């Protein structure tokens, strides 16, 4: 391999790492906004006597999926613990939603 080709590959890899970092940060902000908005809507719905379990199931399911993926890729036990907790919350929310709560 020539020097220029090696340099080009290194620059391409650096760009790929930057893109991955930007995607990861954007997903983090997406989750934060989703949780805040779902919390606001859940509060409003509960104040009006309306069920809010659908929002709880949606948010917890989304976080569960993300944490499961992170655990599979990193084998970090913290991600597994959060994933299991979110899965349990999601199941409870789905059951309560189906029961009309």
PDB file of N, CA and C in Angstrom:
ATOM      1  N   UNK A   1       0.835  -1.176   0.000  1.00  0.00           N
ATOM      2  CA  UNK A   1       0.000   0.000   0.000  1.00  0.00           C
ATOM      3  C   UNK A   1       0.885   1.247   0.000  1.00  0.00           C
ATOM      4  N   UNK A   2       0.465   2.207  -0.740  1.00  0.00           N
ATOM      5  CA  UNK A   2       1.222   3.451  -0.790  1.00  0.00           C
ATOM      6  C   UNK A   2       0.842   4.345   0.383  1.00  0.00           C
ATOM      7  N   UNK A   3       1.716   5.273   0.644  1.00  0.00           N
ATOM      8  CA  UNK A   3       1.517   6.192   1.772  1.00  0.00           C
ATOM      9  C   UNK A   3       0.214   6.978   1.629  1.00  0.00           C
ATOM     10  N   UNK A   4      -0.078   7.461   0.434  1.00  0.00           N
ATOM     11  CA  UNK A   4      -1.292   8.252   0.213  1.00  0.00           C
ATOM     12  C   UNK A   4      -2.547   7.413   0.458  1.00  0.00           C
ATOM     13  N   UNK A   5      -2.502   6.164   0.050  1.00  0.00           N
ATOM     14  CA  UNK A   5      -3.657   5.291   0.240  1.00  0.00           C
ATOM     15  C   UNK A   5      -3.895   5.018   1.730  1.00  0.00           C
ATOM     16  N   UNK A   6      -2.819   4.813   2.469  1.00  0.00           N
ATOM     17  CA  UNK A   6      -2.931   4.599   3.914  1.00  0.00           C
ATOM     18  C   UNK A   6      -3.504   5.842   4.591  1.00  0.00           C
ATOM     19  N   UNK A   7      -3.031   7.007   4.211  1.00  0.00           N
ATOM     20  CA  UNK A   7      -3.531   8.265   4.763  1.00  0.00           C
ATOM     21  C   UNK A   7      -5.011   8.444   4.439  1.00  0.00           C
ATOM     22  N   UNK A   8      -5.395   8.133   3.219  1.00  0.00           N
ATOM     23  CA  UNK A   8      -6.799   8.270   2.797  1.00  0.00           C
ATOM     24  C   UNK A   8      -7.691   7.351   3.635  1.00  0.00           C
ATOM     25  N   UNK A   9      -7.263   6.115   3.841  1.00  0.00           N
ATOM     26  CA  UNK A   9      -8.058   5.176   4.641  1.00  0.00           C
ATOM     27  C   UNK A   9      -8.189   5.656   6.084  1.00  0.00           C
ATOM     28  N   UNK A  10      -7.123   6.168   6.643  1.00  0.00           N
ATOM     29  CA  UNK A  10      -7.161   6.680   8.018  1.00  0.00           C
ATOM     30  C   UNK A  10      -8.136   7.845   8.134  1.00  0.00           C
ATOM     31  N   UNK A  11      -8.143   8.724   7.147  1.00  0.00           N
ATOM     32  CA  UNK A  11      -9.066   9.861   7.159  1.00  0.00           C
ATOM     33  C   UNK A  11     -10.506   9.384   7.023  1.00  0.00           C
ATOM     34  N   UNK A  12     -10.752   8.390   6.178  1.00  0.00           N
ATOM     35  CA  UNK A  12     -12.097   7.840   6.016  1.00  0.00           C
ATOM     36  C   UNK A  12     -12.591   7.216   7.317  1.00  0.00           C
ATOM     37  N   UNK A  13     -11.721   6.480   8.009  1.00  0.00           N
ATOM     38  CA  UNK A  13     -12.104   5.863   9.276  1.00  0.00           C
ATOM     39  C   UNK A  13     -12.409   6.912  10.331  1.00  0.00           C
ATOM     40  N   UNK A  14     -11.645   7.990  10.360  1.00  0.00           N
ATOM     41  CA  UNK A  14     -11.886   9.060  11.326  1.00  0.00           C
ATOM     42  C   UNK A  14     -13.253   9.687  11.073  1.00  0.00           C
ATOM     43  N   UNK A  15     -13.615   9.879   9.808  1.00  0.00           N
ATOM     44  CA  UNK A  15     -14.918  10.431   9.462  1.00  0.00           C
ATOM     45  C   UNK A  15     -16.022   9.471   9.897  1.00  0.00           C
ATOM     46  N   UNK A  16     -15.820   8.176   9.696  1.00  0.00           N
ATOM     47  CA  UNK A  16     -16.810   7.196  10.113  1.00  0.00           C
ATOM     48  C   UNK A  16     -17.012   7.225  11.624  1.00  0.00           C
ATOM     49  N   UNK A  17     -15.936   7.345  12.399  1.00  0.00           N
ATOM     50  CA  UNK A  17     -16.045   7.426  13.851  1.00  0.00           C
ATOM     51  C   UNK A  17     -16.811   8.676  14.262  1.00  0.00           C
ATOM     52  N   UNK A  18     -16.564   9.771  13.593  1.00  0.00           N
ATOM     53  CA  UNK A  18     -17.270  11.025  13.887  1.00  0.00           C
ATOM     54  C   UNK A  18     -18.755  10.869  13.587  1.00  0.00           C
ATOM     55  N   UNK A  19     -19.081  10.254  12.458  1.00  0.00           N
ATOM     56  CA  UNK A  19     -20.484  10.035  12.111  1.00  0.00           C
ATOM     57  C   UNK A  19     -21.176   9.168  13.159  1.00  0.00           C
ATOM     58  N   UNK A  20     -20.502   8.126  13.624  1.00  0.00           N
ATOM     59  CA  UNK A  20     -21.078   7.272  14.659  1.00  0.00           C
ATOM     60  C   UNK A  20     -21.302   8.038  15.954  1.00  0.00           C
ATOM     61  N   UNK A  21     -20.359   8.894  16.312  1.00  0.00           N
ATOM     62  CA  UNK A  21     -20.500   9.693  17.525  1.00  0.00           C
ATOM     63  C   UNK A  21     -21.682  10.654  17.394  1.00  0.00           C
ATOM     64  N   UNK A  22     -21.830  11.272  16.238  1.00  0.00           N
ATOM     65  CA  UNK A  22     -22.948  12.196  16.017  1.00  0.00           C
ATOM     66  C   UNK A  22     -24.272  11.441  16.080  1.00  0.00           C
ATOM     67  N   UNK A  23     -24.345  10.266  15.472  1.00  0.00           N
ATOM     68  CA  UNK A  23     -25.576   9.469  15.515  1.00  0.00           C
ATOM     69  C   UNK A  23     -25.913   9.080  16.948  1.00  0.00           C
ATOM     70  N   UNK A  24     -24.904   8.678  17.717  1.00  0.00           N
ATOM     71  CA  UNK A  24     -25.134   8.287  19.102  1.00  0.00           C
ATOM     72  C   UNK A  24     -25.651   9.457  19.927  1.00  0.00           C
ATOM     73  N   UNK A  25     -25.051  10.627  19.748  1.00  0.00           N
ATOM     74  CA  UNK A  25     -25.511  11.825  20.466  1.00  0.00           C
ATOM     75  C   UNK A  25     -26.930  12.203  20.046  1.00  0.00           C
ATOM     76  N   UNK A  26     -27.229  12.088  18.758  1.00  0.00           N
ATOM     77  CA  UNK A  26     -28.568  12.451  18.296  1.00  0.00           C
ATOM     78  C   UNK A  26     -29.614  11.503  18.876  1.00  0.00           C
ATOM     79  N   UNK A  27     -29.277  10.218  18.990  1.00  0.00           N
ATOM     80  CA  UNK A  27     -30.209   9.275  19.605  1.00  0.00           C
ATOM     81  C   UNK A  27     -30.411   9.594  21.081  1.00  0.00           C
ATOM     82  N   UNK A  28     -29.347   9.995  21.764  1.00  0.00           N
ATOM     83  CA  UNK A  28     -29.461  10.361  23.169  1.00  0.00           C
ATOM     84  C   UNK A  28     -30.441  11.527  23.330  1.00  0.00           C
ATOM     85  N   UNK A  29     -30.276  12.558  22.516  1.00  0.00           N
ATOM     86  CA  UNK A  29     -31.170  13.711  22.601  1.00  0.00           C
ATOM     87  C   UNK A  29     -32.590  13.333  22.198  1.00  0.00           C
ATOM     88  N   UNK A  30     -32.721  12.437  21.254  1.00  0.00           N
ATOM     89  CA  UNK A  30     -34.040  11.961  20.854  1.00  0.00           C
ATOM     90  C   UNK A  30     -34.744  11.283  22.029  1.00  0.00           C
ATOM     91  N   UNK A  31     -34.018  10.420  22.762  1.00  0.00           N
ATOM     92  CA  UNK A  31     -34.603   9.760  23.930  1.00  0.00           C
ATOM     93  C   UNK A  31     -34.976  10.759  25.005  1.00  0.00           C
ATOM     94  N   UNK A  32     -34.117  11.723  25.254  1.00  0.00           N
ATOM     95  CA  UNK A  32     -34.399  12.718  26.290  1.00  0.00           C
ATOM     96  C   UNK A  32     -35.677  13.484  25.965  1.00  0.00           C
ATOM     97  N   UNK A  33     -35.791  13.950  24.739  1.00  0.00           N
ATOM     98  CA  UNK A  33     -36.986  14.703  24.339  1.00  0.00           C
ATOM     99  C   UNK A  33     -38.218  13.805  24.378  1.00  0.00           C
ATOM    100  N   UNK A  34     -38.086  12.564  23.928  1.00  0.00           N
ATOM    101  CA  UNK A  34     -39.220  11.640  23.936  1.00  0.00           C
ATOM    102  C   UNK A  34     -39.710  11.401  25.364  1.00  0.00           C
ATOM    103  N   UNK A  35     -38.803  11.195  26.296  1.00  0.00           N
ATOM    104  CA  UNK A  35     -39.190  10.951  27.683  1.00  0.00           C
ATOM    105  C   UNK A  35     -39.838  12.190  28.293  1.00  0.00           C
ATOM    106  N   UNK A  36     -39.285  13.352  28.031  1.00  0.00           N
ATOM    107  CA  UNK A  36     -39.864  14.593  28.564  1.00  0.00           C
ATOM    108  C   UNK A  36     -41.268  14.815  28.007  1.00  0.00           C
ATOM    109  N   UNK A  37     -41.414  14.678  26.698  1.00  0.00           N
ATOM    110  CA  UNK A  37     -42.730  14.894  26.080  1.00  0.00           C
ATOM    111  C   UNK A  37     -43.747  13.859  26.566  1.00  0.00           C
ATOM    112  N   UNK A  38     -43.341  12.605  26.649  1.00  0.00           N
ATOM    113  CA  UNK A  38     -44.252  11.569  27.138  1.00  0.00           C
ATOM    114  C   UNK A  38     -44.642  11.835  28.589  1.00  0.00           C
ATOM    115  N   UNK A  39     -43.711  12.331  29.390  1.00  0.00           N
ATOM    116  CA  UNK A  39     -44.022  12.664  30.786  1.00  0.00           C
ATOM    117  C   UNK A  39     -45.045  13.786  30.867  1.00  0.00           C
ATOM    118  N   UNK A  40     -44.860  14.804  30.049  1.00  0.00           N
ATOM    119  CA  UNK A  40     -45.809  15.928  30.033  1.00  0.00           C
ATOM    120  C   UNK A  40     -47.192  15.444  29.609  1.00  0.00           C
ATOM    121  N   UNK A  41     -47.253  14.677  28.517  1.00  0.00           N
ATOM    122  CA  UNK A  41     -48.548  14.181  28.043  1.00  0.00           C
ATOM    123  C   UNK A  41     -49.180  13.215  29.047  1.00  0.00           C
ATOM    124  N   UNK A  42     -48.368  12.395  29.698  1.00  0.00           N
ATOM    125  CA  UNK A  42     -48.899  11.475  30.711  1.00  0.00           C
ATOM    126  C   UNK A  42     -49.491  12.247  31.882  1.00  0.00           C
ATOM    127  N   UNK A  43     -48.801  13.294  32.309  1.00  0.00           N
ATOM    128  CA  UNK A  43     -49.308  14.111  33.409  1.00  0.00           C
ATOM    129  C   UNK A  43     -50.642  14.752  33.021  1.00  0.00           C
ATOM    130  N   UNK A  44     -50.700  15.329  31.836  1.00  0.00           N
ATOM    131  CA  UNK A  44     -51.941  15.973  31.377  1.00  0.00           C
ATOM    132  C   UNK A  44     -53.070  14.956  31.291  1.00  0.00           C
ATOM    133  N   UNK A  45     -52.788  13.786  30.723  1.00  0.00           N
ATOM    134  CA  UNK A  45     -53.817  12.756  30.601  1.00  0.00           C
ATOM    135  C   UNK A  45     -54.289  12.276  31.970  1.00  0.00           C
ATOM    136  N   UNK A  46     -53.364  12.078  32.904  1.00  0.00           N
ATOM    137  CA  UNK A  46     -53.769  11.590  34.228  1.00  0.00           C
ATOM    138  C   UNK A  46     -54.590  12.639  34.969  1.00  0.00           C
ATOM    139  N   UNK A  47     -54.269  13.914  34.781  1.00  0.00           N
ATOM    140  CA  UNK A  47     -55.049  14.993  35.400  1.00  0.00           C
ATOM    141  C   UNK A  47     -56.470  15.034  34.848  1.00  0.00           C
ATOM    142  N   UNK A  48     -56.643  14.628  33.613  1.00  0.00           N
ATOM    143  CA  UNK A  48     -57.967  14.607  32.987  1.00  0.00           C
ATOM    144  C   UNK A  48     -58.682  13.278  33.198  1.00  0.00           C
ATOM    145  N   UNK A  49     -58.037  12.372  33.913  1.00  0.00           N
ATOM    146  CA  UNK A  49     -58.644  11.070  34.176  1.00  0.00           C
ATOM    147  C   UNK A  49     -58.545  10.107  33.007  1.00  0.00           C
ATOM    148  N   UNK A  50     -57.680  10.397  32.065  1.00  0.00           N
ATOM    149  CA  UNK A  50     -57.510   9.535  30.895  1.00  0.00           C
ATOM    150  C   UNK A  50     -56.361   8.556  31.127  1.00  0.00           C
ATOM    151  N   UNK A  51     -56.409   7.397  30.471  1.00  0.00           N
ATOM    152  CA  UNK A  51     -55.308   6.434  30.642  1.00  0.00           C
ATOM    153  C   UNK A  51     -54.010   6.951  30.023  1.00  0.00           C
ATOM    154  N   UNK A  52     -52.898   6.565  30.631  1.00  0.00           N
ATOM    155  CA  UNK A  52     -51.601   7.017  30.127  1.00  0.00           C
ATOM    156  C   UNK A  52     -50.634   5.857  29.907  1.00  0.00           C
ATOM    157  N   UNK A  53     -51.123   4.650  30.065  1.00  0.00           N
ATOM    158  CA  UNK A  53     -50.252   3.480  29.990  1.00  0.00           C
ATOM    159  C   UNK A  53     -49.690   3.249  28.589  1.00  0.00           C
ATOM    160  N   UNK A  54     -50.378   3.726  27.559  1.00  0.00           N
ATOM    161  CA  UNK A  54     -49.854   3.555  26.201  1.00  0.00           C
ATOM    162  C   UNK A  54     -48.553   4.332  26.021  1.00  0.00           C
ATOM    163  N   UNK A  55     -48.488   5.533  26.584  1.00  0.00           N
ATOM    164  CA  UNK A  55     -47.251   6.312  26.502  1.00  0.00           C
ATOM    165  C   UNK A  55     -46.137   5.656  27.305  1.00  0.00           C
ATOM    166  N   UNK A  56     -46.483   5.141  28.465  1.00  0.00           N
ATOM    167  CA  UNK A  56     -45.493   4.462  29.307  1.00  0.00           C
ATOM    168  C   UNK A  56     -44.937   3.230  28.590  1.00  0.00           C
ATOM    169  N   UNK A  57     -45.806   2.456  27.963  1.00  0.00           N
ATOM    170  CA  UNK A  57     -45.364   1.262  27.234  1.00  0.00           C
ATOM    171  C   UNK A  57     -44.489   1.632  26.044  1.00  0.00           C
ATOM    172  N   UNK A  58     -44.837   2.698  25.352  1.00  0.00           N
ATOM    173  CA  UNK A  58     -44.064   3.129  24.187  1.00  0.00           C
ATOM    174  C   UNK A  58     -42.659   3.565  24.583  1.00  0.00           C
ATOM    175  N   UNK A  59     -42.562   4.408  25.594  1.00  0.00           N
ATOM    176  CA  UNK A  59     -41.252   4.910  26.020  1.00  0.00           C
ATOM    177  C   UNK A  59     -40.399   3.785  26.598  1.00  0.00           C
ATOM    178  N   UNK A  60     -40.972   2.983  27.475  1.00  0.00           N
ATOM    179  CA  UNK A  60     -40.181   1.907  28.082  1.00  0.00           C
ATOM    180  C   UNK A  60     -39.777   0.861  27.049  1.00  0.00           C
ATOM    181  N   UNK A  61     -40.625   0.601  26.064  1.00  0.00           N
ATOM    182  CA  UNK A  61     -40.265  -0.328  24.990  1.00  0.00           C
ATOM    183  C   UNK A  61     -39.123   0.193  24.145  1.00  0.00           C
ATOM    184  N   UNK A  62     -39.142   1.470  23.867  1.00  0.00           N
ATOM    185  CA  UNK A  62     -38.074   2.085  23.081  1.00  0.00           C
ATOM    186  C   UNK A  62     -36.740   2.040  23.818  1.00  0.00           C
ATOM    187  N   UNK A  63     -36.761   2.390  25.094  1.00  0.00           N
ATOM    188  CA  UNK A  63     -35.532   2.355  25.892  1.00  0.00           C
ATOM    189  C   UNK A  63     -35.045   0.914  26.048  1.00  0.00           C
ATOM    190  N   UNK A  64     -35.959  -0.018  26.226  1.00  0.00           N
ATOM    191  CA  UNK A  64     -35.596  -1.433  26.337  1.00  0.00           C
ATOM    192  C   UNK A  64     -34.881  -1.906  25.074  1.00  0.00           C
ATOM    193  N   UNK A  65     -35.404  -1.554  23.918  1.00  0.00           N
ATOM    194  CA  UNK A  65     -34.776  -1.961  22.657  1.00  0.00           C
ATOM    195  C   UNK A  65     -33.368  -1.386  22.523  1.00  0.00           C
ATOM    196  N   UNK A  66     -33.209  -0.117  22.859  1.00  0.00           N
ATOM    197  CA  UNK A  66     -31.895   0.521  22.754  1.00  0.00           C
ATOM    198  C   UNK A  66     -30.891  -0.105  23.717  1.00  0.00           C
ATOM    199  N   UNK A  67     -31.317  -0.345  24.945  1.00  0.00           N
ATOM    200  CA  UNK A  67     -30.405  -0.919  25.936  1.00  0.00           C
ATOM    201  C   UNK A  67     -30.065  -2.375  25.615  1.00  0.00           C
ATOM    202  N   UNK A  68     -31.022  -3.109  25.063  1.00  0.00           N
ATOM    203  CA  UNK A  68     -30.740  -4.487  24.649  1.00  0.00           C
ATOM    204  C   UNK A  68     -29.694  -4.502  23.546  1.00  0.00           C
ATOM    205  N   UNK A  69     -29.846  -3.622  22.582  1.00  0.00           N
ATOM    206  CA  UNK A  69     -28.867  -3.530  21.496  1.00  0.00           C
ATOM    207  C   UNK A  69     -27.486  -3.167  22.036  1.00  0.00           C
ATOM    208  N   UNK A  70     -27.445  -2.198  22.936  1.00  0.00           N
ATOM    209  CA  UNK A  70     -26.155  -1.798  23.519  1.00  0.00           C
ATOM    210  C   UNK A  70     -25.522  -2.945  24.300  1.00  0.00           C
ATOM    211  N   UNK A  71     -26.354  -3.716  25.031  1.00  0.00           N
ATOM    212  CA  UNK A  71     -25.808  -4.852  25.771  1.00  0.00           C
ATOM    213  C   UNK A  71     -25.232  -5.898  24.820  1.00  0.00           C
ATOM    214  N   UNK A  72     -25.947  -6.192  23.748  1.00  0.00           N
ATOM    215  CA  UNK A  72     -25.465  -7.183  22.781  1.00  0.00           C
ATOM    216  C   UNK A  72     -24.130  -6.755  22.192  1.00  0.00           C
ATOM    217  N   UNK A  73     -23.979  -5.478  21.903  1.00  0.00           N
ATOM    218  CA  UNK A  73     -22.753  -4.987  21.279  1.00  0.00           C
ATOM    219  C   UNK A  73     -21.602  -4.798  22.267  1.00  0.00           C
ATOM    220  N   UNK A  74     -21.898  -4.426  23.525  1.00  0.00           N
ATOM    221  CA  UNK A  74     -20.826  -4.093  24.472  1.00  0.00           C
ATOM    222  C   UNK A  74     -20.667  -5.088  25.617  1.00  0.00           C
ATOM    223  N   UNK A  75     -21.693  -5.897  25.872  1.00  0.00           N
ATOM    224  CA  UNK A  75     -21.703  -6.829  27.002  1.00  0.00           C
ATOM    225  C   UNK A  75     -21.565  -6.116  28.343  1.00  0.00           C
ATOM    226  N   UNK A  76     -22.026  -4.872  28.395  1.00  0.00           N
ATOM    227  CA  UNK A  76     -22.015  -4.092  29.629  1.00  0.00           C
ATOM    228  C   UNK A  76     -23.247  -4.488  30.452  1.00  0.00           C
ATOM    229  N   UNK A  77     -23.033  -4.985  31.660  1.00  0.00           N
ATOM    230  CA  UNK A  77     -24.120  -5.490  32.502  1.00  0.00           C
ATOM    231  C   UNK A  77     -25.123  -4.393  32.855  1.00  0.00           C
ATOM    232  N   UNK A  78     -24.673  -3.148  32.995  1.00  0.00           N
ATOM    233  CA  UNK A  78     -25.590  -2.043  33.302  1.00  0.00           C
ATOM    234  C   UNK A  78     -26.666  -1.922  32.231  1.00  0.00           C
ATOM    235  N   UNK A  79     -26.286  -2.096  30.973  1.00  0.00           N
ATOM    236  CA  UNK A  79     -27.262  -2.021  29.887  1.00  0.00           C
ATOM    237  C   UNK A  79     -28.279  -3.156  29.997  1.00  0.00           C
ATOM    238  N   UNK A  80     -27.809  -4.336  30.378  1.00  0.00           N
ATOM    239  CA  UNK A  80     -28.718  -5.477  30.544  1.00  0.00           C
ATOM    240  C   UNK A  80     -29.707  -5.217  31.673  1.00  0.00           C
ATOM    241  N   UNK A  81     -29.226  -4.686  32.787  1.00  0.00           N
ATOM    242  CA  UNK A  81     -30.098  -4.410  33.934  1.00  0.00           C
ATOM    243  C   UNK A  81     -31.177  -3.399  33.556  1.00  0.00           C
ATOM    244  N   UNK A  82     -30.777  -2.320  32.909  1.00  0.00           N
ATOM    245  CA  UNK A  82     -31.753  -1.306  32.485  1.00  0.00           C
ATOM    246  C   UNK A  82     -32.738  -1.909  31.492  1.00  0.00           C
ATOM    247  N   UNK A  83     -32.244  -2.738  30.589  1.00  0.00           N
ATOM    248  CA  UNK A  83     -33.104  -3.376  29.601  1.00  0.00           C
ATOM    249  C   UNK A  83     -34.161  -4.259  30.263  1.00  0.00           C
ATOM    250  N   UNK A  84     -33.755  -5.049  31.235  1.00  0.00           N
ATOM    251  CA  UNK A  84     -34.692  -5.934  31.932  1.00  0.00           C
ATOM    252  C   UNK A  84     -35.722  -5.119  32.708  1.00  0.00           C
ATOM    253  N   UNK A  85     -35.284  -4.069  33.378  1.00  0.00           N
ATOM    254  CA  UNK A  85     -36.213  -3.208  34.122  1.00  0.00           C
ATOM    255  C   UNK A  85     -37.221  -2.561  33.173  1.00  0.00           C
ATOM    256  N   UNK A  86     -36.743  -2.036  32.063  1.00  0.00           N
ATOM    257  CA  UNK A  86     -37.638  -1.395  31.095  1.00  0.00           C
ATOM    258  C   UNK A  86     -38.598  -2.406  30.467  1.00  0.00           C
ATOM    259  N   UNK A  87     -38.129  -3.635  30.258  1.00  0.00           N
ATOM    260  CA  UNK A  87     -38.999  -4.676  29.719  1.00  0.00           C
ATOM    261  C   UNK A  87     -40.133  -4.973  30.695  1.00  0.00           C
ATOM    262  N   UNK A  88     -39.801  -5.078  31.981  1.00  0.00           N
ATOM    263  CA  UNK A  88     -40.821  -5.339  32.997  1.00  0.00           C
ATOM    264  C   UNK A  88     -41.829  -4.192  33.066  1.00  0.00           C
ATOM    265  N   UNK A  89     -41.334  -2.963  33.028  1.00  0.00           N
ATOM    266  CA  UNK A  89     -42.233  -1.800  33.043  1.00  0.00           C
ATOM    267  C   UNK A  89     -43.124  -1.808  31.813  1.00  0.00           C
ATOM    268  N   UNK A  90     -42.553  -2.132  30.656  1.00  0.00           N
ATOM    269  CA  UNK A  90     -43.332  -2.176  29.417  1.00  0.00           C
ATOM    270  C   UNK A  90     -44.449  -3.218  29.514  1.00  0.00           C
ATOM    271  N   UNK A  91     -44.134  -4.409  30.014  1.00  0.00           N
ATOM    272  CA  UNK A  91     -45.149  -5.465  30.138  1.00  0.00           C
ATOM    273  C   UNK A  91     -46.255  -5.034  31.094  1.00  0.00           C
ATOM    274  N   UNK A  92     -45.878  -4.465  32.248  1.00  0.00           N
ATOM    275  CA  UNK A  92     -46.894  -3.993  33.197  1.00  0.00           C
ATOM    276  C   UNK A  92     -47.764  -2.907  32.578  1.00  0.00           C
ATOM    277  N   UNK A  93     -47.158  -1.999  31.823  1.00  0.00           N
ATOM    278  CA  UNK A  93     -47.921  -0.920  31.191  1.00  0.00           C
ATOM    279  C   UNK A  93     -48.867  -1.472  30.130  1.00  0.00           C
ATOM    280  N   UNK A  94     -48.420  -2.451  29.368  1.00  0.00           N
ATOM    281  CA  UNK A  94     -49.289  -3.054  28.344  1.00  0.00           C
ATOM    282  C   UNK A  94     -50.471  -3.760  29.000  1.00  0.00           C
ATOM    283  N   UNK A  95     -50.207  -4.502  30.070  1.00  0.00           N
ATOM    284  CA  UNK A  95     -51.287  -5.200  30.777  1.00  0.00           C
ATOM    285  C   UNK A  95     -52.282  -4.191  31.338  1.00  0.00           C
ATOM    286  N   UNK A  96     -51.776  -3.143  31.980  1.00  0.00           N
ATOM    287  CA  UNK A  96     -52.678  -2.120  32.536  1.00  0.00           C
ATOM    288  C   UNK A  96     -53.455  -1.406  31.431  1.00  0.00           C
ATOM    289  N   UNK A  97     -52.803  -1.153  30.308  1.00  0.00           N
ATOM    290  CA  UNK A  97     -53.487  -0.505  29.186  1.00  0.00           C
ATOM    291  C   UNK A  97     -54.620  -1.389  28.672  1.00  0.00           C
ATOM    292  N   UNK A  98     -54.348  -2.682  28.526  1.00  0.00           N
ATOM    293  CA  UNK A  98     -55.373  -3.612  28.030  1.00  0.00           C
ATOM    294  C   UNK A  98     -56.523  -3.772  29.019  1.00  0.00           C
ATOM    295  N   UNK A  99     -56.249  -3.538  30.304  1.00  0.00           N
ATOM    296  CA  UNK A  99     -57.290  -3.625  31.325  1.00  0.00           C
ATOM    297  C   UNK A  99     -58.078  -2.322  31.443  1.00  0.00           C
ATOM    298  N   UNK A 100     -57.664  -1.290  30.715  1.00  0.00           N
ATOM    299  CA  UNK A 100     -58.411  -0.044  30.708  1.00  0.00           C
ATOM    300  C   UNK A 100     -57.953   0.987  31.712  1.00  0.00           C
ATOM    301  N   UNK A 101     -56.760   0.848  32.244  1.00  0.00           N
ATOM    302  CA  UNK A 101     -56.249   1.819  33.227  1.00  0.00           C
ATOM    303  C   UNK A 101     -55.507   2.922  32.553  1.00  0.00           C
TER     304      UNK A 101
END
